[in-house]
Protein backbone atom coordinates (compact mmCIF):
# COMPACT_ATOMS: atom_id res chain seq x y z
CA MET A 1 -76.63 -41.07 -238.71
CA ALA A 2 -78.71 -40.56 -242.07
CA ALA A 3 -77.24 -38.34 -244.89
CA ALA A 4 -77.75 -34.46 -244.47
CA ALA A 5 -78.55 -32.53 -247.42
CA TRP A 6 -77.46 -28.99 -248.26
CA LEU A 7 -79.44 -25.86 -249.65
CA CYS A 8 -77.78 -22.73 -250.30
CA GLY A 9 -78.53 -19.61 -252.09
CA LEU A 10 -76.82 -16.45 -252.84
CA VAL A 11 -78.42 -13.30 -254.19
CA SER A 12 -77.40 -10.96 -255.70
CA LEU A 13 -79.19 -14.37 -254.51
CA LEU A 14 -77.27 -17.26 -253.81
CA VAL A 15 -79.29 -20.28 -252.89
CA VAL A 16 -77.10 -23.28 -251.74
CA ALA A 17 -79.00 -26.57 -250.77
CA ALA A 18 -77.16 -29.43 -249.58
CA ALA A 19 -77.17 -32.67 -247.31
CA ALA A 20 -74.76 -33.63 -244.32
CA ALA A 21 -72.59 -36.87 -244.44
CA ASP A 22 -72.48 -39.32 -242.43
CA GLY A 23 -70.89 -38.85 -238.99
CA GLU A 24 -70.92 -35.77 -236.85
CA TRP A 25 -71.65 -32.50 -238.29
CA GLU A 26 -71.41 -29.61 -236.08
CA PRO A 27 -74.58 -27.11 -236.33
CA LEU A 28 -74.36 -23.85 -238.36
CA ILE A 29 -72.67 -21.12 -236.48
CA ARG A 30 -75.30 -18.50 -236.07
CA MET A 31 -75.27 -15.06 -234.94
CA PRO A 32 -76.67 -12.91 -233.20
CA THR A 33 -79.70 -15.16 -232.50
CA GLU A 34 -78.11 -18.58 -231.50
CA GLU A 35 -80.58 -21.59 -231.42
CA ARG A 36 -84.47 -21.38 -232.12
CA GLY A 37 -87.00 -23.98 -231.79
CA ASP A 38 -89.23 -25.79 -234.51
CA ALA A 39 -92.54 -26.36 -233.29
CA ALA A 40 -93.95 -25.88 -236.37
CA ALA A 41 -91.94 -27.94 -239.11
CA PRO A 42 -93.14 -31.28 -240.02
CA ALA A 43 -91.06 -34.10 -239.52
CA ALA A 44 -89.75 -34.61 -243.27
CA GLU A 45 -86.36 -35.57 -242.73
CA ASP A 46 -86.41 -38.73 -240.95
CA GLU A 47 -85.92 -40.87 -243.99
CA VAL A 48 -83.65 -38.68 -245.60
CA GLY A 49 -81.27 -37.42 -243.28
CA THR A 50 -80.73 -33.68 -242.35
CA ARG A 51 -81.17 -30.67 -244.43
CA TRP A 52 -79.18 -27.76 -243.86
CA ALA A 53 -79.66 -24.38 -245.95
CA VAL A 54 -78.09 -20.89 -246.19
CA LEU A 55 -79.67 -17.95 -247.90
CA VAL A 56 -77.47 -14.95 -248.79
CA ALA A 57 -79.34 -11.55 -250.07
CA GLY A 58 -75.87 -9.88 -251.15
CA SER A 59 -77.27 -6.38 -251.34
CA SER A 60 -79.17 -3.59 -249.61
CA GLY A 61 -81.10 -0.70 -250.25
CA TYR A 62 -84.62 -0.20 -251.19
CA GLY A 63 -83.92 -0.30 -254.99
CA ASN A 64 -82.85 -3.93 -254.63
CA TYR A 65 -86.11 -4.87 -252.82
CA ARG A 66 -86.18 -8.03 -255.25
CA HIS A 67 -83.03 -9.39 -253.71
CA GLN A 68 -84.17 -10.07 -249.98
CA ALA A 69 -87.67 -10.83 -251.04
CA ASP A 70 -86.32 -13.70 -253.12
CA VAL A 71 -84.48 -14.49 -249.90
CA CYS A 72 -87.65 -14.31 -247.57
CA HIS A 73 -89.59 -16.23 -250.00
CA ALA A 74 -86.81 -19.03 -250.38
CA TYR A 75 -87.10 -19.39 -246.61
CA GLN A 76 -90.85 -19.65 -246.76
CA ILE A 77 -90.67 -22.48 -249.02
CA LEU A 78 -88.33 -24.40 -247.10
CA ARG A 79 -90.03 -24.21 -243.97
CA LYS A 80 -93.44 -25.35 -245.39
CA GLY A 81 -91.13 -28.13 -246.89
CA GLY A 82 -90.35 -29.10 -242.94
CA VAL A 83 -86.75 -28.02 -243.25
CA LYS A 84 -86.25 -27.05 -239.31
CA GLU A 85 -85.81 -23.51 -238.38
CA GLU A 86 -82.75 -23.84 -236.64
CA ASN A 87 -81.04 -25.57 -239.98
CA ILE A 88 -81.68 -22.42 -242.09
CA VAL A 89 -79.13 -19.26 -241.80
CA VAL A 90 -80.48 -16.14 -243.34
CA PHE A 91 -77.85 -13.18 -244.34
CA MET A 92 -79.78 -10.32 -245.38
CA TYR A 93 -79.29 -6.55 -244.64
CA ASP A 94 -82.99 -6.43 -243.45
CA ASP A 95 -83.17 -2.48 -244.62
CA ILE A 96 -86.45 -3.16 -246.75
CA ALA A 97 -89.65 -4.35 -244.46
CA HIS A 98 -89.35 -1.12 -242.49
CA ASN A 99 -87.98 0.97 -244.95
CA ILE A 100 -89.55 4.37 -245.11
CA LEU A 101 -90.40 3.77 -249.00
CA ASN A 102 -92.22 0.42 -248.17
CA PRO A 103 -96.09 0.90 -248.68
CA ARG A 104 -96.85 -1.98 -246.83
CA PRO A 105 -94.63 -1.63 -243.46
CA GLY A 106 -93.46 -4.96 -241.99
CA ILE A 107 -94.72 -6.64 -245.16
CA ILE A 108 -92.13 -8.10 -247.95
CA ILE A 109 -93.70 -9.47 -251.00
CA ASN A 110 -92.12 -11.51 -253.94
CA HIS A 111 -95.18 -11.73 -256.38
CA PRO A 112 -97.80 -9.17 -257.15
CA LYS A 113 -100.35 -11.33 -255.59
CA GLY A 114 -98.19 -12.77 -252.98
CA GLU A 115 -98.43 -13.18 -249.47
CA ASN A 116 -95.92 -11.59 -246.72
CA VAL A 117 -93.02 -13.72 -246.86
CA TYR A 118 -91.12 -11.57 -244.24
CA THR A 119 -93.36 -13.44 -241.48
CA GLY A 120 -90.99 -15.53 -239.41
CA VAL A 121 -87.42 -14.78 -241.18
CA PRO A 122 -84.85 -15.30 -238.79
CA LYS A 123 -82.13 -12.51 -237.97
CA ASP A 124 -79.29 -14.45 -238.10
CA TYR A 125 -76.73 -12.10 -239.98
CA THR A 126 -78.32 -8.67 -240.80
CA GLY A 127 -76.69 -5.19 -241.59
CA ASP A 128 -72.92 -5.06 -241.05
CA GLN A 129 -73.07 -8.82 -240.47
CA VAL A 130 -73.83 -9.56 -243.96
CA THR A 131 -70.33 -10.17 -245.16
CA THR A 132 -68.39 -12.50 -247.57
CA GLU A 133 -66.08 -13.39 -244.42
CA ASN A 134 -68.81 -14.46 -242.39
CA PHE A 135 -70.59 -16.29 -245.07
CA PHE A 136 -67.62 -18.45 -245.62
CA ALA A 137 -67.19 -19.05 -241.79
CA VAL A 138 -70.68 -20.28 -241.65
CA LEU A 139 -70.47 -22.74 -244.77
CA LEU A 140 -67.18 -23.98 -243.18
CA GLY A 141 -68.39 -24.07 -239.26
CA ASN A 142 -65.50 -21.51 -238.26
CA LYS A 143 -67.01 -19.86 -235.47
CA SER A 144 -63.53 -17.87 -234.69
CA ALA A 145 -63.81 -16.11 -238.04
CA ILE A 146 -67.24 -14.73 -237.48
CA THR A 147 -66.70 -10.83 -237.24
CA GLY A 148 -68.92 -7.71 -238.32
CA GLY A 149 -68.33 -5.42 -240.91
CA SER A 150 -69.47 -7.18 -245.91
CA MET A 151 -71.37 -8.46 -248.93
CA PRO A 152 -73.68 -5.62 -249.51
CA ASN A 153 -70.56 -4.46 -247.31
CA LEU A 154 -67.39 -4.46 -248.90
CA PRO A 155 -65.33 -5.90 -250.49
CA TYR A 156 -67.20 -8.60 -252.66
CA LEU A 157 -67.37 -12.22 -252.76
CA TYR A 158 -64.78 -13.25 -255.47
CA ALA A 159 -65.22 -16.58 -257.53
CA GLY A 160 -61.95 -17.90 -256.85
CA ASP A 161 -62.51 -17.56 -252.95
CA PHE A 162 -65.55 -19.04 -253.13
CA ILE A 163 -64.70 -22.40 -254.75
CA LYS A 164 -61.77 -22.57 -252.28
CA VAL A 165 -64.58 -22.56 -249.50
CA LEU A 166 -66.39 -25.61 -251.46
CA LYS A 167 -63.27 -27.45 -251.78
CA LYS A 168 -62.43 -27.19 -248.04
CA LYS A 169 -66.13 -27.93 -247.31
CA HIS A 170 -66.15 -31.21 -249.40
CA ALA A 171 -62.47 -32.37 -247.74
CA SER A 172 -64.36 -31.69 -244.39
CA ASN A 173 -66.83 -34.62 -245.45
CA SER A 174 -69.27 -32.78 -243.55
CA TYR A 175 -71.96 -33.04 -246.13
CA SER A 176 -73.63 -35.72 -248.53
CA LYS A 177 -74.53 -33.68 -251.35
CA MET A 178 -75.07 -30.04 -252.21
CA VAL A 179 -77.44 -27.91 -254.72
CA ILE A 180 -76.36 -24.36 -255.30
CA TYR A 181 -78.93 -21.69 -256.67
CA VAL A 182 -77.38 -18.05 -257.71
CA GLU A 183 -78.80 -15.20 -259.04
CA ALA A 184 -76.33 -12.79 -260.19
CA CYS A 185 -75.74 -10.77 -263.79
CA GLU A 186 -72.63 -13.13 -265.38
CA SER A 187 -73.42 -15.45 -262.60
CA GLY A 188 -72.00 -18.26 -264.48
CA SER A 189 -68.26 -16.54 -264.65
CA ILE A 190 -68.10 -17.68 -261.12
CA PHE A 191 -68.13 -21.29 -261.93
CA GLU A 192 -67.06 -21.42 -265.42
CA GLY A 193 -63.58 -23.43 -265.65
CA LEU A 194 -63.48 -23.50 -261.99
CA MET A 195 -66.21 -25.85 -260.39
CA PRO A 196 -64.79 -29.24 -260.31
CA GLN A 197 -66.85 -32.15 -260.83
CA ASP A 198 -66.26 -34.38 -258.00
CA LEU A 199 -67.58 -32.33 -254.99
CA ASN A 200 -70.99 -33.73 -254.98
CA ILE A 201 -72.22 -30.29 -255.59
CA TYR A 202 -74.67 -29.57 -258.28
CA VAL A 203 -74.94 -25.66 -259.44
CA THR A 204 -77.45 -23.70 -261.42
CA THR A 205 -77.13 -19.99 -262.06
CA ALA A 206 -79.44 -17.28 -263.49
CA ALA A 207 -77.22 -16.49 -266.48
CA ASN A 208 -73.92 -17.38 -268.35
CA PRO A 209 -70.65 -16.02 -267.96
CA VAL A 210 -71.12 -12.84 -270.13
CA GLU A 211 -74.95 -11.69 -269.57
CA ASN A 212 -76.93 -9.77 -267.25
CA SER A 213 -79.86 -11.85 -265.19
CA TRP A 214 -83.26 -9.79 -265.12
CA GLY A 215 -85.40 -8.18 -262.15
CA THR A 216 -89.45 -9.12 -262.84
CA TYR A 217 -92.66 -7.84 -261.53
CA CYS A 218 -91.32 -4.33 -261.95
CA PRO A 219 -93.60 -1.17 -262.43
CA GLY A 220 -95.02 -0.76 -265.94
CA MET A 221 -94.08 -4.18 -267.00
CA ASP A 222 -96.33 -7.00 -267.35
CA PRO A 223 -97.43 -8.21 -264.85
CA PRO A 224 -97.03 -5.05 -262.51
CA PRO A 225 -96.52 -5.18 -259.19
CA PRO A 226 -99.35 -3.32 -257.01
CA PRO A 227 -99.57 0.30 -258.21
CA GLU A 228 -97.96 1.56 -254.93
CA TYR A 229 -95.05 -0.37 -255.37
CA ILE A 230 -92.11 1.62 -257.21
CA THR A 231 -89.54 -1.16 -257.37
CA CYS A 232 -89.28 -5.08 -259.07
CA LEU A 233 -90.50 -7.51 -256.18
CA GLY A 234 -88.47 -10.43 -257.67
CA ASP A 235 -85.39 -11.76 -260.03
CA LEU A 236 -86.74 -13.71 -263.01
CA TYR A 237 -84.49 -16.72 -262.51
CA SER A 238 -85.38 -16.90 -258.51
CA VAL A 239 -88.92 -16.44 -258.69
CA SER A 240 -89.16 -19.09 -261.38
CA TRP A 241 -87.49 -21.84 -259.74
CA MET A 242 -89.53 -20.95 -256.00
CA GLU A 243 -92.70 -20.69 -257.78
CA ASP A 244 -92.01 -23.85 -259.48
CA SER A 245 -91.34 -25.50 -256.05
CA GLN A 246 -93.93 -24.11 -254.64
CA THR A 247 -96.59 -25.26 -257.29
CA HIS A 248 -95.29 -28.76 -257.78
CA ASN A 249 -95.32 -31.97 -255.91
CA LEU A 250 -91.43 -32.09 -254.99
CA MET A 251 -91.60 -35.65 -254.14
CA LYS A 252 -92.09 -36.45 -257.95
CA GLU A 253 -90.21 -33.33 -259.52
CA SER A 254 -86.46 -33.83 -260.18
CA ILE A 255 -83.63 -31.37 -260.01
CA LYS A 256 -83.37 -31.84 -263.68
CA ASP A 257 -87.42 -31.21 -264.51
CA GLN A 258 -86.92 -27.97 -262.49
CA TYR A 259 -83.82 -27.08 -264.51
CA GLU A 260 -85.72 -27.43 -267.69
CA VAL A 261 -88.39 -25.13 -266.42
CA VAL A 262 -86.75 -22.56 -265.02
CA LYS A 263 -84.15 -22.49 -267.99
CA THR A 264 -87.32 -22.24 -270.51
CA ARG A 265 -89.12 -19.24 -268.25
CA THR A 266 -85.88 -17.41 -267.49
CA SER A 267 -85.00 -17.30 -271.20
CA ASN A 268 -88.38 -15.93 -272.01
CA SER A 269 -89.63 -18.64 -273.61
CA ASN A 270 -86.16 -19.45 -275.56
CA LYS A 271 -86.31 -16.15 -276.79
CA TYR A 272 -83.78 -14.58 -274.78
CA LYS A 273 -85.06 -10.96 -275.19
CA GLU A 274 -85.50 -9.99 -271.44
CA GLY A 275 -83.97 -13.37 -270.46
CA SER A 276 -80.91 -14.95 -269.86
CA HIS A 277 -79.22 -18.53 -270.28
CA VAL A 278 -79.64 -20.60 -267.17
CA MET A 279 -76.32 -22.68 -266.76
CA GLU A 280 -75.52 -25.75 -264.74
CA TYR A 281 -72.36 -26.81 -263.29
CA GLY A 282 -70.44 -29.12 -260.90
CA ASP A 283 -71.81 -32.62 -260.32
CA LYS A 284 -74.75 -33.50 -262.62
CA THR A 285 -74.95 -37.24 -261.57
CA PHE A 286 -77.77 -36.75 -259.26
CA LYS A 287 -80.09 -34.19 -261.29
CA ASN A 288 -82.57 -37.23 -261.18
CA GLU A 289 -82.85 -37.01 -257.43
CA LYS A 290 -86.32 -35.61 -256.48
CA LEU A 291 -86.32 -32.01 -254.86
CA PHE A 292 -87.83 -32.95 -251.71
CA LEU A 293 -84.51 -34.35 -250.83
CA TYR A 294 -83.19 -30.95 -250.47
CA GLN A 295 -85.94 -28.57 -250.36
CA GLY A 296 -88.35 -30.74 -248.51
CA PHE A 297 -91.89 -31.68 -248.96
CA ASP A 298 -95.14 -29.50 -248.44
CA PRO A 299 -98.37 -31.84 -247.74
CA ALA A 300 -100.40 -29.43 -249.15
CA ASN A 301 -98.72 -29.74 -252.77
CA ALA A 302 -99.24 -33.26 -253.18
CA ASN A 303 -101.98 -32.89 -255.46
CA ILE A 304 -101.64 -28.95 -256.53
CA ALA A 305 -102.70 -27.04 -260.03
CA ASN A 306 -100.29 -24.18 -260.63
CA THR A 307 -102.00 -21.10 -259.25
CA LEU A 308 -99.03 -18.58 -259.26
CA LEU A 309 -97.66 -18.39 -262.45
CA TRP A 310 -99.09 -15.93 -264.80
CA PRO A 311 -99.66 -17.02 -268.55
CA GLY A 312 -98.51 -15.38 -271.33
CA PRO A 313 -95.19 -12.87 -271.52
CA LYS A 314 -93.48 -11.64 -268.72
CA GLY A 315 -91.76 -8.56 -268.27
CA ALA A 316 -88.36 -8.06 -267.26
CA VAL A 317 -85.79 -5.31 -266.88
CA ASN A 318 -81.96 -5.73 -266.92
CA GLN A 319 -80.72 -5.96 -263.33
CA ARG A 320 -78.25 -3.09 -263.88
CA ASP A 321 -81.16 -0.94 -264.79
CA ALA A 322 -83.53 -1.87 -262.06
CA ASP A 323 -82.07 0.66 -259.79
CA LEU A 324 -82.77 3.46 -262.31
CA LEU A 325 -86.23 2.05 -262.84
CA PHE A 326 -86.65 2.62 -259.09
CA MET A 327 -85.05 5.97 -259.00
CA TRP A 328 -87.12 7.28 -261.71
CA GLN A 329 -90.45 5.87 -260.37
CA ARG A 330 -89.61 7.38 -256.66
CA TYR A 331 -88.68 10.82 -258.54
CA GLU A 332 -92.24 10.69 -260.54
CA GLN A 333 -94.05 9.80 -257.17
CA LEU A 334 -92.75 12.86 -255.52
CA ASN A 335 -94.74 16.42 -255.09
CA GLY A 336 -93.59 18.41 -258.09
CA GLY A 337 -90.72 21.48 -256.66
CA SER A 338 -90.22 19.74 -253.61
CA GLU A 339 -86.91 19.49 -252.01
CA GLU A 340 -87.28 15.70 -251.89
CA LYS A 341 -87.84 15.95 -255.35
CA LEU A 342 -84.81 17.86 -256.35
CA ARG A 343 -82.59 15.44 -254.36
CA ALA A 344 -84.30 12.25 -256.05
CA LEU A 345 -83.21 14.06 -259.22
CA ARG A 346 -79.84 15.09 -258.06
CA GLU A 347 -79.21 11.38 -257.18
CA ILE A 348 -80.23 10.01 -260.66
CA LYS A 349 -77.93 12.69 -262.09
CA GLU A 350 -75.13 11.71 -259.76
CA THR A 351 -75.83 8.00 -260.84
CA VAL A 352 -75.87 8.36 -264.32
CA GLN A 353 -72.77 10.59 -264.18
CA HIS A 354 -70.78 7.97 -262.18
CA ARG A 355 -71.70 5.56 -264.64
CA LYS A 356 -70.65 7.47 -267.59
CA HIS A 357 -67.51 7.84 -265.80
CA LEU A 358 -66.44 4.48 -265.21
CA ASP A 359 -67.47 3.58 -268.76
CA SER A 360 -65.24 6.19 -270.14
CA SER A 361 -62.64 5.62 -267.71
CA ILE A 362 -62.19 1.94 -267.89
CA ASP A 363 -62.40 2.51 -271.88
CA PHE A 364 -59.59 5.12 -271.48
CA VAL A 365 -57.76 2.75 -268.98
CA GLY A 366 -57.96 -0.08 -271.90
CA ARG A 367 -56.59 1.82 -274.79
CA LEU A 368 -53.68 3.14 -272.70
CA VAL A 369 -52.57 -0.45 -271.62
CA PHE A 370 -53.25 -2.15 -275.09
CA GLY A 371 -53.11 0.59 -277.39
CA PHE A 372 -55.80 3.06 -278.88
CA GLU A 373 -57.13 0.71 -281.68
CA ASN A 374 -57.08 -2.55 -279.54
CA GLY A 375 -58.02 -1.62 -276.34
CA PRO A 376 -62.07 -2.07 -276.47
CA LYS A 377 -61.72 -5.25 -278.16
CA MET A 378 -59.37 -6.39 -275.31
CA LEU A 379 -61.12 -5.46 -272.54
CA GLU A 380 -64.34 -7.12 -273.83
CA ALA A 381 -62.66 -10.51 -275.19
CA VAL A 382 -64.49 -13.60 -274.03
CA ARG A 383 -62.26 -16.87 -273.26
CA ALA A 384 -63.08 -19.94 -274.60
CA PRO A 385 -65.81 -22.20 -272.67
CA GLY A 386 -64.55 -24.10 -269.60
CA GLN A 387 -61.62 -21.67 -269.13
CA PRO A 388 -61.94 -19.42 -265.91
CA LEU A 389 -62.75 -15.70 -265.99
CA VAL A 390 -58.87 -15.14 -264.88
CA ASP A 391 -55.76 -17.10 -264.08
CA ASP A 392 -54.91 -15.04 -260.85
CA TRP A 393 -57.55 -13.85 -258.90
CA ASP A 394 -55.25 -11.87 -256.46
CA CYS A 395 -54.03 -10.11 -259.60
CA LEU A 396 -57.68 -9.09 -260.22
CA LYS A 397 -58.40 -7.91 -256.79
CA ARG A 398 -55.20 -5.86 -257.09
CA MET A 399 -55.98 -4.27 -260.36
CA VAL A 400 -59.66 -3.40 -259.24
CA ARG A 401 -58.31 -1.64 -255.99
CA ILE A 402 -55.26 0.18 -257.89
CA PHE A 403 -58.42 1.34 -260.28
CA GLU A 404 -60.79 2.30 -257.67
CA SER A 405 -58.02 4.20 -255.37
CA GLN A 406 -57.55 6.75 -258.63
CA CYS A 407 -61.40 6.50 -260.30
CA GLY A 408 -64.12 5.98 -257.47
CA SER A 409 -66.04 2.62 -256.66
CA LEU A 410 -67.17 0.30 -259.24
CA THR A 411 -70.37 0.07 -257.48
CA GLN A 412 -72.93 -2.72 -258.68
CA TYR A 413 -73.09 -1.08 -262.06
CA GLY A 414 -69.26 -1.28 -262.51
CA MET A 415 -69.01 -5.03 -261.64
CA LYS A 416 -69.66 -5.61 -265.28
CA TYR A 417 -66.14 -4.88 -265.88
CA MET A 418 -64.63 -7.68 -263.69
CA ARG A 419 -63.92 -8.96 -267.23
CA ALA A 420 -61.97 -6.07 -268.25
CA PHE A 421 -59.84 -6.47 -265.29
CA ALA A 422 -59.52 -10.07 -265.67
CA ASN A 423 -58.08 -9.46 -269.49
CA ILE A 424 -55.66 -6.87 -268.35
CA CYS A 425 -54.34 -9.57 -265.50
CA ASN A 426 -54.42 -12.39 -268.19
CA SER A 427 -52.49 -10.04 -270.67
CA GLY A 428 -49.76 -9.76 -268.04
CA ILE A 429 -50.06 -5.81 -267.23
CA SER A 430 -47.92 -4.88 -264.74
CA GLU A 431 -49.40 -3.01 -261.37
CA THR A 432 -47.20 -0.06 -262.36
CA LYS A 433 -48.70 0.19 -265.60
CA MET A 434 -52.46 -0.25 -264.40
CA ARG A 435 -51.60 2.65 -261.92
CA GLU A 436 -50.13 5.09 -264.83
CA SER A 437 -53.25 4.41 -266.82
CA SER A 438 -55.51 4.95 -264.05
CA ILE A 439 -54.06 8.14 -262.96
CA SER A 440 -53.95 9.51 -266.32
CA ALA A 441 -57.69 8.29 -266.90
CA CYS A 442 -58.97 9.90 -263.69
CA GLY A 443 -56.29 12.14 -262.46
CA GLY A 444 -58.08 14.85 -260.23
CA TYR A 445 -61.43 12.54 -259.92
CA ASN A 446 -62.92 12.83 -256.47
CA PRO A 447 -61.94 9.92 -253.68
CA LEU A 448 -63.31 6.98 -253.32
CA ALA A 449 -66.37 7.01 -250.74
CA GLN A 450 -67.59 3.52 -250.53
CA GLY A 451 -64.67 1.56 -249.90
CA TYR A 452 -62.81 -1.13 -251.84
CA SER A 453 -64.60 -4.02 -254.03
CA ALA A 454 -61.76 -6.34 -253.39
């Protein structure tokens, strides 16, 4: 049996690409749709083995439109490249295409002039089935572990657990090589100091361990989405690699070539204003391999000219501000004085208020555990390159739960404070001290409403 290649993607977006190894490889577990036919795909993998892909949009809600749009776009690229339909597993909440706020019902676009990328996207794991547990089970081929119930659904995916799964996958000898694309703020922290170089896995991330990633094609930016859209259509890193893939001959372009292109575009032409540092981790020995080995090859791209990328500057918005941008756009769109507009304003105020609460309470907890003068500095401390975010991942989860039990859900916004909790663990702060400090900082705050992040 020929080798098999893997492509994975996480969002916020993680995309993983891989190839299956010699010997029998159990097909990816799918639920609820099980097997699907593949009449449309060209026979593009006979000479390279079997390509597999797992695409994950780790968010929900219309304000996060861009994440599911990224995943749908990736699916279309892989299908046009000849990756078989039954070899692509898609995780997405699927609450965007038919959302009441979507100006084009049943349609998702990932570019201001883009086509509908929702067409034909399978419903493998949607709604409550989009969970970290199910994602891990699919990667490992563990059907008994498939459950309902968290990725947009809590708890969140933690780096330590993900790396363990990748090691277990490698030990099973069920793939030849794997390429992973990850779109998320501080996405480098998932792999920094943790990702081995001997798993035959190459990883690229949207940002380094300490910075935000960026949304793009947002209202009021250059280029903007069509005027009827009130949300960002894509993520800068994700659209950069996908637009590169669909406008180049992937039988000629290498992994390294694309990395350099995406690195430049995502950095805003190396200015890093409204941009981030694209990083790479893991096994870099096969970077000179051509992309078609993982993404397939679309014959229409044999002599293609770049028709999608916009000349000139690209506007972008900080990922953590993208949801507020959406809320304000929605508020301004509604009729003045309507009850719906008043509700939208209340939602904005509550969101901003909760963010301020998180900012102040985490700052206060830090001052209580480290001292009022040293607190902020200790919470923000960055470890030397090559060191993982935290030494004890179970401690990190426990500290997050203790804080949330007293101070409310971290939400997507509060994920930026994971380094603070990691530093609390790395400094040997006890759970008792953390609980006492959280109670002091947040005593009387309303109870947790969203569930625990850990």
